Amino acid sequence: MRQIVLDTETTGLEWKKGNRVVEIGCVELLERRPSGNNFHRYLKPDCDFESGAAEVTGLSLDFLADKPRFEEVVDEFLAYVDGAELIIHNASFDMGFLENEMSLAGKGRLASRVTVTDTLAMARERFPGQRNSLDALCRRLGVDNAHRTLHGGLLDAQILADVYIALTSGQEEIGFGQPEAESGNAGGVAQAFDASVLLPRPRVLVTASEQEAHEARLARLRKKAGHAWWDGEPVPAASEPA
């Protein structure tokens, strides 16, 4: 399935209080890799920012004054996301705002056109009891977010794409998640495993001093136990009871 990593920026925390979307950023993943086919739009909200919201995003009403309204880009947005799996961090927040924008534009429900995966729910399941904000996950999973000084729709979507890949790395990376038709095995016939695709295993070399310490340890074990069956020596028979 085509995947779209999505993030929005808004004028406040609740759409029910009249807040609107001011930025949509999307990153397309094909076969779990960024395709470069991104979607990014700033939007004129026709409402004020809540206290502190503009500082978080770095956006202002002056900057957004000449930008299109959501209803002017909605058809383009729907054509881009239609049929895709949306990857969103704290999906209920973004989807709540987007469904409100869809309703105001008279376009029905977005959820009927896409499926949604919430990376916050995934992170909470994997790291219970820990902070699972985007920044916290970047630190935990080794994703570089040093350039993230403000919240931004496209930037956060790009960072979230890296976080999602790190969160879900595993079976999909070695082909377990591929449909049979894509893997060239449409008939379902078992194929021989090609060991040549594996990376070489690291070689661990033992130093002379480590080998000497190892032999000394084995000698002490032999002396204490009376035998060492890793050497192939027979285990002494147990004495018959009197």
C-alpha atoms as a PDB file:
ATOM      1  CA  MET A   1       0.000   0.000   0.000  1.00  0.00           C
ATOM      2  CA  ARG A   2       1.146   3.525  -0.751  1.00  0.00           C
ATOM      3  CA  GLN A   3       1.983   5.334   2.479  1.00  0.00           C
ATOM      4  CA  ILE A   4       1.776   9.058   3.195  1.00  0.00           C
ATOM      5  CA  VAL A   5       3.449  10.448   6.318  1.00  0.00           C
ATOM      6  CA  LEU A   6       1.375  13.485   7.272  1.00  0.00           C
ATOM      7  CA  ASP A   7       1.587  16.370   9.720  1.00  0.00           C
ATOM      8  CA  THR A   8      -0.495  19.510  10.152  1.00  0.00           C
ATOM      9  CA  GLU A   9       0.037  22.807  11.934  1.00  0.00           C
ATOM     10  CA  THR A  10      -2.961  24.651  13.336  1.00  0.00           C
ATOM     11  CA  THR A  11      -3.998  27.927  14.943  1.00  0.00           C
ATOM     12  CA  GLY A  12      -4.694  26.182  18.255  1.00  0.00           C
ATOM     13  CA  LEU A  13      -5.284  22.899  20.012  1.00  0.00           C
ATOM     14  CA  GLU A  14      -9.004  22.291  19.373  1.00  0.00           C
ATOM     15  CA  TRP A  15     -10.920  22.519  16.110  1.00  0.00           C
ATOM     16  CA  LYS A  16     -14.165  22.612  18.118  1.00  0.00           C
ATOM     17  CA  LYS A  17     -13.132  26.071  19.339  1.00  0.00           C
ATOM     18  CA  GLY A  18     -12.895  27.373  15.783  1.00  0.00           C
ATOM     19  CA  ASN A  19      -9.190  26.694  15.196  1.00  0.00           C
ATOM     20  CA  ARG A  20      -8.093  25.886  11.646  1.00  0.00           C
ATOM     21  CA  VAL A  21      -5.305  24.157   9.743  1.00  0.00           C
ATOM     22  CA  VAL A  22      -2.558  26.516   8.551  1.00  0.00           C
ATOM     23  CA  GLU A  23      -0.087  23.997   7.112  1.00  0.00           C
ATOM     24  CA  ILE A  24      -0.190  20.480   5.656  1.00  0.00           C
ATOM     25  CA  GLY A  25       3.013  18.539   5.054  1.00  0.00           C
ATOM     26  CA  CYS A  26       3.091  15.086   3.456  1.00  0.00           C
ATOM     27  CA  VAL A  27       5.917  12.711   2.550  1.00  0.00           C
ATOM     28  CA  GLU A  28       5.192   9.792   0.223  1.00  0.00           C
ATOM     29  CA  LEU A  29       6.747   6.392   0.982  1.00  0.00           C
ATOM     30  CA  LEU A  30       6.945   3.734  -1.705  1.00  0.00           C
ATOM     31  CA  GLU A  31       8.293   0.362  -0.530  1.00  0.00           C
ATOM     32  CA  ARG A  32       9.115   2.142   2.767  1.00  0.00           C
ATOM     33  CA  ARG A  33      11.393   4.648   1.031  1.00  0.00           C
ATOM     34  CA  PRO A  34      10.748   8.367   0.418  1.00  0.00           C
ATOM     35  CA  SER A  35       9.812   8.850  -3.237  1.00  0.00           C
ATOM     36  CA  GLY A  36      10.378  12.607  -3.328  1.00  0.00           C
ATOM     37  CA  ASN A  37       6.717  13.132  -4.265  1.00  0.00           C
ATOM     38  CA  ASN A  38       5.793  15.373  -1.332  1.00  0.00           C
ATOM     39  CA  PHE A  39       2.782  17.606  -0.742  1.00  0.00           C
ATOM     40  CA  HIS A  40       3.172  20.884   1.152  1.00  0.00           C
ATOM     41  CA  ARG A  41       0.761  23.786   1.436  1.00  0.00           C
ATOM     42  CA  TYR A  42       0.399  26.789   3.735  1.00  0.00           C
ATOM     43  CA  LEU A  43      -3.226  27.817   4.265  1.00  0.00           C
ATOM     44  CA  LYS A  44      -5.029  31.024   5.135  1.00  0.00           C
ATOM     45  CA  PRO A  45      -7.068  30.228   8.264  1.00  0.00           C
ATOM     46  CA  ASP A  46      -9.505  33.171   8.447  1.00  0.00           C
ATOM     47  CA  CYS A  47      -9.140  33.159  12.248  1.00  0.00           C
ATOM     48  CA  ASP A  48      -6.602  34.284  14.829  1.00  0.00           C
ATOM     49  CA  PHE A  49      -3.923  32.108  16.419  1.00  0.00           C
ATOM     50  CA  GLU A  50      -4.443  31.041  20.000  1.00  0.00           C
ATOM     51  CA  SER A  51      -1.934  32.402  22.496  1.00  0.00           C
ATOM     52  CA  GLY A  52       1.439  30.710  21.930  1.00  0.00           C
ATOM     53  CA  ALA A  53       0.428  28.814  18.785  1.00  0.00           C
ATOM     54  CA  ALA A  54       2.135  31.181  16.357  1.00  0.00           C
ATOM     55  CA  GLU A  55       5.375  31.006  18.349  1.00  0.00           C
ATOM     56  CA  VAL A  56       5.386  27.197  18.140  1.00  0.00           C
ATOM     57  CA  THR A  57       5.077  27.195  14.341  1.00  0.00           C
ATOM     58  CA  GLY A  58       6.839  30.440  13.494  1.00  0.00           C
ATOM     59  CA  LEU A  59       3.897  31.347  11.268  1.00  0.00           C
ATOM     60  CA  SER A  60       1.893  34.578  11.319  1.00  0.00           C
ATOM     61  CA  LEU A  61      -1.359  35.868   9.853  1.00  0.00           C
ATOM     62  CA  ASP A  62       0.657  38.326   7.742  1.00  0.00           C
ATOM     63  CA  PHE A  63       2.634  35.444   6.195  1.00  0.00           C
ATOM     64  CA  LEU A  64      -0.545  33.441   5.559  1.00  0.00           C
ATOM     65  CA  ALA A  65      -2.602  36.356   4.212  1.00  0.00           C
ATOM     66  CA  ASP A  66      -1.931  35.557   0.526  1.00  0.00           C
ATOM     67  CA  LYS A  67      -2.037  31.761   0.896  1.00  0.00           C
ATOM     68  CA  PRO A  68      -4.973  29.678  -0.413  1.00  0.00           C
ATOM     69  CA  ARG A  69      -7.792  28.523   1.827  1.00  0.00           C
ATOM     70  CA  PHE A  70      -8.280  24.795   2.436  1.00  0.00           C
ATOM     71  CA  GLU A  71     -11.273  24.636   0.098  1.00  0.00           C
ATOM     72  CA  GLU A  72      -9.042  25.931  -2.706  1.00  0.00           C
ATOM     73  CA  VAL A  73      -6.547  23.052  -2.366  1.00  0.00           C
ATOM     74  CA  VAL A  74      -8.829  20.278  -1.093  1.00  0.00           C
ATOM     75  CA  ASP A  75      -9.254  18.565  -4.475  1.00  0.00           C
ATOM     76  CA  GLU A  76      -5.499  18.545  -5.025  1.00  0.00           C
ATOM     77  CA  PHE A  77      -4.969  17.203  -1.497  1.00  0.00           C
ATOM     78  CA  LEU A  78      -7.557  14.441  -1.922  1.00  0.00           C
ATOM     79  CA  ALA A  79      -6.084  13.378  -5.253  1.00  0.00           C
ATOM     80  CA  TYR A  80      -2.712  13.074  -3.523  1.00  0.00           C
ATOM     81  CA  VAL A  81      -3.829  11.020  -0.488  1.00  0.00           C
ATOM     82  CA  ASP A  82      -6.706   9.037  -2.008  1.00  0.00           C
ATOM     83  CA  GLY A  83      -6.404   5.329  -1.214  1.00  0.00           C
ATOM     84  CA  ALA A  84      -3.197   5.715   0.793  1.00  0.00           C
ATOM     85  CA  GLU A  85      -2.272   4.706   4.330  1.00  0.00           C
ATOM     86  CA  LEU A  86      -1.718   7.879   6.347  1.00  0.00           C
ATOM     87  CA  ILE A  87       1.072   7.673   8.937  1.00  0.00           C
ATOM     88  CA  ILE A  88       0.388  10.303  11.619  1.00  0.00           C
ATOM     89  CA  HIS A  89       1.782  10.972  15.098  1.00  0.00           C
ATOM     90  CA  ASN A  90      -1.199  11.470  17.443  1.00  0.00           C
ATOM     91  CA  ALA A  91      -3.581  10.818  14.575  1.00  0.00           C
ATOM     92  CA  SER A  92      -6.738  11.843  16.436  1.00  0.00           C
ATOM     93  CA  PHE A  93      -5.463  15.433  16.578  1.00  0.00           C
ATOM     94  CA  ASP A  94      -4.609  15.827  12.883  1.00  0.00           C
ATOM     95  CA  MET A  95      -7.566  13.789  11.654  1.00  0.00           C
ATOM     96  CA  GLY A  96      -9.950  15.808  13.821  1.00  0.00           C
ATOM     97  CA  PHE A  97      -8.745  19.031  12.222  1.00  0.00           C
ATOM     98  CA  LEU A  98      -8.718  17.594   8.696  1.00  0.00           C
ATOM     99  CA  GLU A  99     -12.215  16.130   9.048  1.00  0.00           C
ATOM    100  CA  ASN A 100     -13.425  19.536  10.206  1.00  0.00           C
ATOM    101  CA  GLU A 101     -11.803  21.190   7.177  1.00  0.00           C
ATOM    102  CA  MET A 102     -13.368  18.557   4.912  1.00  0.00           C
ATOM    103  CA  SER A 103     -16.790  19.218   6.425  1.00  0.00           C
ATOM    104  CA  LEU A 104     -16.444  22.987   6.026  1.00  0.00           C
ATOM    105  CA  ALA A 105     -15.454  22.434   2.383  1.00  0.00           C
ATOM    106  CA  GLY A 106     -18.436  20.112   1.819  1.00  0.00           C
ATOM    107  CA  LYS A 107     -16.267  17.156   0.866  1.00  0.00           C
ATOM    108  CA  GLY A 108     -17.460  14.317   3.107  1.00  0.00           C
ATOM    109  CA  ARG A 109     -15.151  12.305   5.345  1.00  0.00           C
ATOM    110  CA  LEU A 110     -11.435  11.870   4.759  1.00  0.00           C
ATOM    111  CA  ALA A 111     -11.489   8.575   6.697  1.00  0.00           C
ATOM    112  CA  SER A 112     -13.605   7.018   3.929  1.00  0.00           C
ATOM    113  CA  ARG A 113     -10.764   7.574   1.455  1.00  0.00           C
ATOM    114  CA  VAL A 114      -7.713   6.486   3.478  1.00  0.00           C
ATOM    115  CA  THR A 115      -6.524   4.217   6.262  1.00  0.00           C
ATOM    116  CA  VAL A 116      -4.711   5.683   9.246  1.00  0.00           C
ATOM    117  CA  THR A 117      -1.790   4.420  11.334  1.00  0.00           C
ATOM    118  CA  ASP A 118      -1.016   6.278  14.568  1.00  0.00           C
ATOM    119  CA  THR A 119       2.698   6.201  15.427  1.00  0.00           C
ATOM    120  CA  LEU A 120       1.956   7.557  18.909  1.00  0.00           C
ATOM    121  CA  ALA A 121      -0.132   4.451  19.668  1.00  0.00           C
ATOM    122  CA  MET A 122       2.640   2.274  18.216  1.00  0.00           C
ATOM    123  CA  ALA A 123       5.258   3.997  20.365  1.00  0.00           C
ATOM    124  CA  ARG A 124       3.171   3.699  23.541  1.00  0.00           C
ATOM    125  CA  GLU A 125       2.825  -0.026  22.939  1.00  0.00           C
ATOM    126  CA  ARG A 126       6.551  -0.460  22.342  1.00  0.00           C
ATOM    127  CA  PHE A 127       7.747   1.947  25.051  1.00  0.00           C
ATOM    128  CA  PRO A 128       5.072   1.893  27.778  1.00  0.00           C
ATOM    129  CA  GLY A 129       5.425   4.464  30.537  1.00  0.00           C
ATOM    130  CA  GLN A 130       7.957   6.551  28.602  1.00  0.00           C
ATOM    131  CA  ARG A 131       7.739   9.893  26.830  1.00  0.00           C
ATOM    132  CA  ASN A 132       6.724   9.278  23.236  1.00  0.00           C
ATOM    133  CA  SER A 133       6.700  12.748  21.718  1.00  0.00           C
ATOM    134  CA  LEU A 134       8.339  13.075  18.307  1.00  0.00           C
ATOM    135  CA  ASP A 135      11.456  14.622  19.858  1.00  0.00           C
ATOM    136  CA  ALA A 136      11.663  11.882  22.512  1.00  0.00           C
ATOM    137  CA  LEU A 137      11.377   9.170  19.850  1.00  0.00           C
ATOM    138  CA  CYS A 138      14.087  10.838  17.787  1.00  0.00           C
ATOM    139  CA  ARG A 139      16.456  10.659  20.748  1.00  0.00           C
ATOM    140  CA  ARG A 140      15.501   7.065  21.578  1.00  0.00           C
ATOM    141  CA  LEU A 141      15.684   5.762  18.013  1.00  0.00           C
ATOM    142  CA  GLY A 142      18.715   7.745  16.885  1.00  0.00           C
ATOM    143  CA  VAL A 143      16.867   9.957  14.366  1.00  0.00           C
ATOM    144  CA  ASP A 144      18.569  13.292  13.688  1.00  0.00           C
ATOM    145  CA  ASN A 145      16.252  16.211  14.457  1.00  0.00           C
ATOM    146  CA  ALA A 146      18.862  18.844  15.269  1.00  0.00           C
ATOM    147  CA  HIS A 147      17.418  21.085  12.538  1.00  0.00           C
ATOM    148  CA  ARG A 148      13.980  21.093  14.186  1.00  0.00           C
ATOM    149  CA  THR A 149      13.825  24.393  16.066  1.00  0.00           C
ATOM    150  CA  LEU A 150      10.142  25.055  15.243  1.00  0.00           C
ATOM    151  CA  HIS A 151       7.165  22.859  14.444  1.00  0.00           C
ATOM    152  CA  GLY A 152       6.622  22.663  10.693  1.00  0.00           C
ATOM    153  CA  GLY A 153       4.280  20.457   8.690  1.00  0.00           C
ATOM    154  CA  LEU A 154       6.709  19.214   6.041  1.00  0.00           C
ATOM    155  CA  LEU A 155       9.758  19.103   8.319  1.00  0.00           C
ATOM    156  CA  ASP A 156       7.882  17.133  10.984  1.00  0.00           C
ATOM    157  CA  ALA A 157       6.529  14.747   8.326  1.00  0.00           C
ATOM    158  CA  GLN A 158      10.071  14.121   7.083  1.00  0.00           C
ATOM    159  CA  ILE A 159      11.293  13.442  10.622  1.00  0.00           C
ATOM    160  CA  LEU A 160       8.274  11.246  11.356  1.00  0.00           C
ATOM    161  CA  ALA A 161       9.014   9.193   8.233  1.00  0.00           C
ATOM    162  CA  ASP A 162      12.443   8.323   9.694  1.00  0.00           C
ATOM    163  CA  VAL A 163      10.878   7.575  13.097  1.00  0.00           C
ATOM    164  CA  TYR A 164       8.234   5.325  11.512  1.00  0.00           C
ATOM    165  CA  ILE A 165      10.861   3.336   9.586  1.00  0.00           C
ATOM    166  CA  ALA A 166      12.858   2.912  12.810  1.00  0.00           C
ATOM    167  CA  LEU A 167       9.749   1.890  14.783  1.00  0.00           C
ATOM    168  CA  THR A 168       8.696  -0.709  12.235  1.00  0.00           C
ATOM    169  CA  SER A 169      12.070  -2.058  11.122  1.00  0.00           C
ATOM    170  CA  GLY A 170      12.015  -5.830  11.341  1.00  0.00           C
ATOM    171  CA  GLN A 171      10.079  -8.357   9.307  1.00  0.00           C
ATOM    172  CA  GLU A 172       9.217  -5.886   6.563  1.00  0.00           C
ATOM    173  CA  GLU A 173      12.924  -5.211   6.027  1.00  0.00           C
ATOM    174  CA  ILE A 174      13.624  -8.844   5.075  1.00  0.00           C
ATOM    175  CA  GLY A 175      10.599  -9.298   2.869  1.00  0.00           C
ATOM    176  CA  PHE A 176       8.087 -10.977   5.166  1.00  0.00           C
ATOM    177  CA  GLY A 177       5.642  -8.148   4.553  1.00  0.00           C
ATOM    178  CA  GLN A 178       5.760  -8.281   0.724  1.00  0.00           C
ATOM    179  CA  PRO A 179       2.821  -9.694  -1.229  1.00  0.00           C
ATOM    180  CA  GLU A 180       3.617 -12.861  -3.138  1.00  0.00           C
ATOM    181  CA  ALA A 181       3.024 -11.177  -6.471  1.00  0.00           C
ATOM    182  CA  GLU A 182       5.606  -8.497  -5.678  1.00  0.00           C
ATOM    183  CA  SER A 183       8.200 -10.993  -4.511  1.00  0.00           C
ATOM    184  CA  GLY A 184       8.003 -12.957  -7.778  1.00  0.00           C
ATOM    185  CA  ASN A 185       6.395 -15.965  -6.086  1.00  0.00           C
ATOM    186  CA  ALA A 186       2.795 -15.608  -7.215  1.00  0.00           C
ATOM    187  CA  GLY A 187       2.292 -19.363  -7.236  1.00  0.00           C
ATOM    188  CA  GLY A 188       3.157 -19.647  -3.560  1.00  0.00           C
ATOM    189  CA  VAL A 189       5.976 -22.145  -4.255  1.00  0.00           C
ATOM    190  CA  ALA A 190       8.690 -22.193  -1.607  1.00  0.00           C
ATOM    191  CA  GLN A 191      11.948 -20.739  -2.848  1.00  0.00           C
ATOM    192  CA  ALA A 192      15.461 -21.590  -1.753  1.00  0.00           C
ATOM    193  CA  PHE A 193      17.017 -19.057   0.597  1.00  0.00           C
ATOM    194  CA  ASP A 194      19.856 -17.131  -1.026  1.00  0.00           C
ATOM    195  CA  ALA A 195      22.594 -16.818   1.594  1.00  0.00           C
ATOM    196  CA  SER A 196      24.609 -14.545  -0.696  1.00  0.00           C
ATOM    197  CA  VAL A 197      22.342 -11.626   0.174  1.00  0.00           C
ATOM    198  CA  LEU A 198      23.432 -11.716   3.822  1.00  0.00           C
ATOM    199  CA  LEU A 199      26.077  -9.359   5.077  1.00  0.00           C
ATOM    200  CA  PRO A 200      29.255 -11.065   6.326  1.00  0.00           C
ATOM    201  CA  ARG A 201      29.228 -11.882  10.008  1.00  0.00           C
ATOM    202  CA  PRO A 202      31.758 -10.043  12.169  1.00  0.00           C
ATOM    203  CA  ARG A 203      34.793 -12.064  13.264  1.00  0.00           C
ATOM    204  CA  VAL A 204      35.684 -11.996  16.944  1.00  0.00           C
ATOM    205  CA  LEU A 205      39.409 -12.532  17.556  1.00  0.00           C
ATOM    206  CA  VAL A 206      40.701 -13.715  20.932  1.00  0.00           C
ATOM    207  CA  THR A 207      43.957 -12.279  22.235  1.00  0.00           C
ATOM    208  CA  ALA A 208      46.691 -14.468  23.726  1.00  0.00           C
ATOM    209  CA  SER A 209      46.062 -13.118  27.221  1.00  0.00           C
ATOM    210  CA  GLU A 210      42.307 -13.800  26.899  1.00  0.00           C
ATOM    211  CA  GLN A 211      43.026 -17.372  25.750  1.00  0.00           C
ATOM    212  CA  GLU A 212      45.407 -17.901  28.675  1.00  0.00           C
ATOM    213  CA  ALA A 213      42.811 -16.619  31.159  1.00  0.00           C
ATOM    214  CA  HIS A 214      40.204 -18.876  29.571  1.00  0.00           C
ATOM    215  CA  GLU A 215      42.388 -21.971  29.907  1.00  0.00           C
ATOM    216  CA  ALA A 216      43.163 -21.112  33.532  1.00  0.00           C
ATOM    217  CA  ARG A 217      39.445 -20.797  34.247  1.00  0.00           C
ATOM    218  CA  LEU A 218      38.757 -24.195  32.653  1.00  0.00           C
ATOM    219  CA  ALA A 219      41.560 -25.777  34.675  1.00  0.00           C
ATOM    220  CA  ARG A 220      40.004 -24.506  37.912  1.00  0.00           C
ATOM    221  CA  LEU A 221      36.617 -25.881  36.880  1.00  0.00           C
ATOM    222  CA  ARG A 222      38.117 -29.287  36.051  1.00  0.00           C
ATOM    223  CA  LYS A 223      39.905 -29.408  39.403  1.00  0.00           C
ATOM    224  CA  LYS A 224      36.756 -28.501  41.301  1.00  0.00           C
ATOM    225  CA  ALA A 225      34.358 -30.785  39.407  1.00  0.00           C
ATOM    226  CA  GLY A 226      36.710 -33.671  38.742  1.00  0.00           C
ATOM    227  CA  HIS A 227      35.798 -33.744  35.062  1.00  0.00           C
ATOM    228  CA  ALA A 228      34.832 -31.524  32.137  1.00  0.00           C
ATOM    229  CA  TRP A 229      32.406 -33.094  29.736  1.00  0.00           C
ATOM    230  CA  TRP A 230      32.942 -30.370  27.108  1.00  0.00           C
ATOM    231  CA  ASP A 231      36.323 -32.126  26.716  1.00  0.00           C
ATOM    232  CA  GLY A 232      34.584 -35.399  26.032  1.00  0.00           C
ATOM    233  CA  GLU A 233      35.661 -36.926  29.345  1.00  0.00           C
ATOM    234  CA  PRO A 234      33.251 -39.462  30.835  1.00  0.00           C
ATOM    235  CA  VAL A 235      31.200 -38.433  33.806  1.00  0.00           C
ATOM    236  CA  PRO A 236      32.155 -40.589  36.862  1.00  0.00           C
ATOM    237  CA  ALA A 237      29.485 -43.169  37.580  1.00  0.00           C
ATOM    238  CA  ALA A 238      27.401 -42.554  40.670  1.00  0.00           C
ATOM    239  CA  SER A 239      28.112 -44.906  43.604  1.00  0.00           C
ATOM    240  CA  GLU A 240      25.658 -47.718  44.194  1.00  0.00           C
ATOM    241  CA  PRO A 241      23.552 -47.187  47.310  1.00  0.00           C
ATOM    242  CA  ALA A 242      24.564 -49.311  50.263  1.00  0.00           C
END
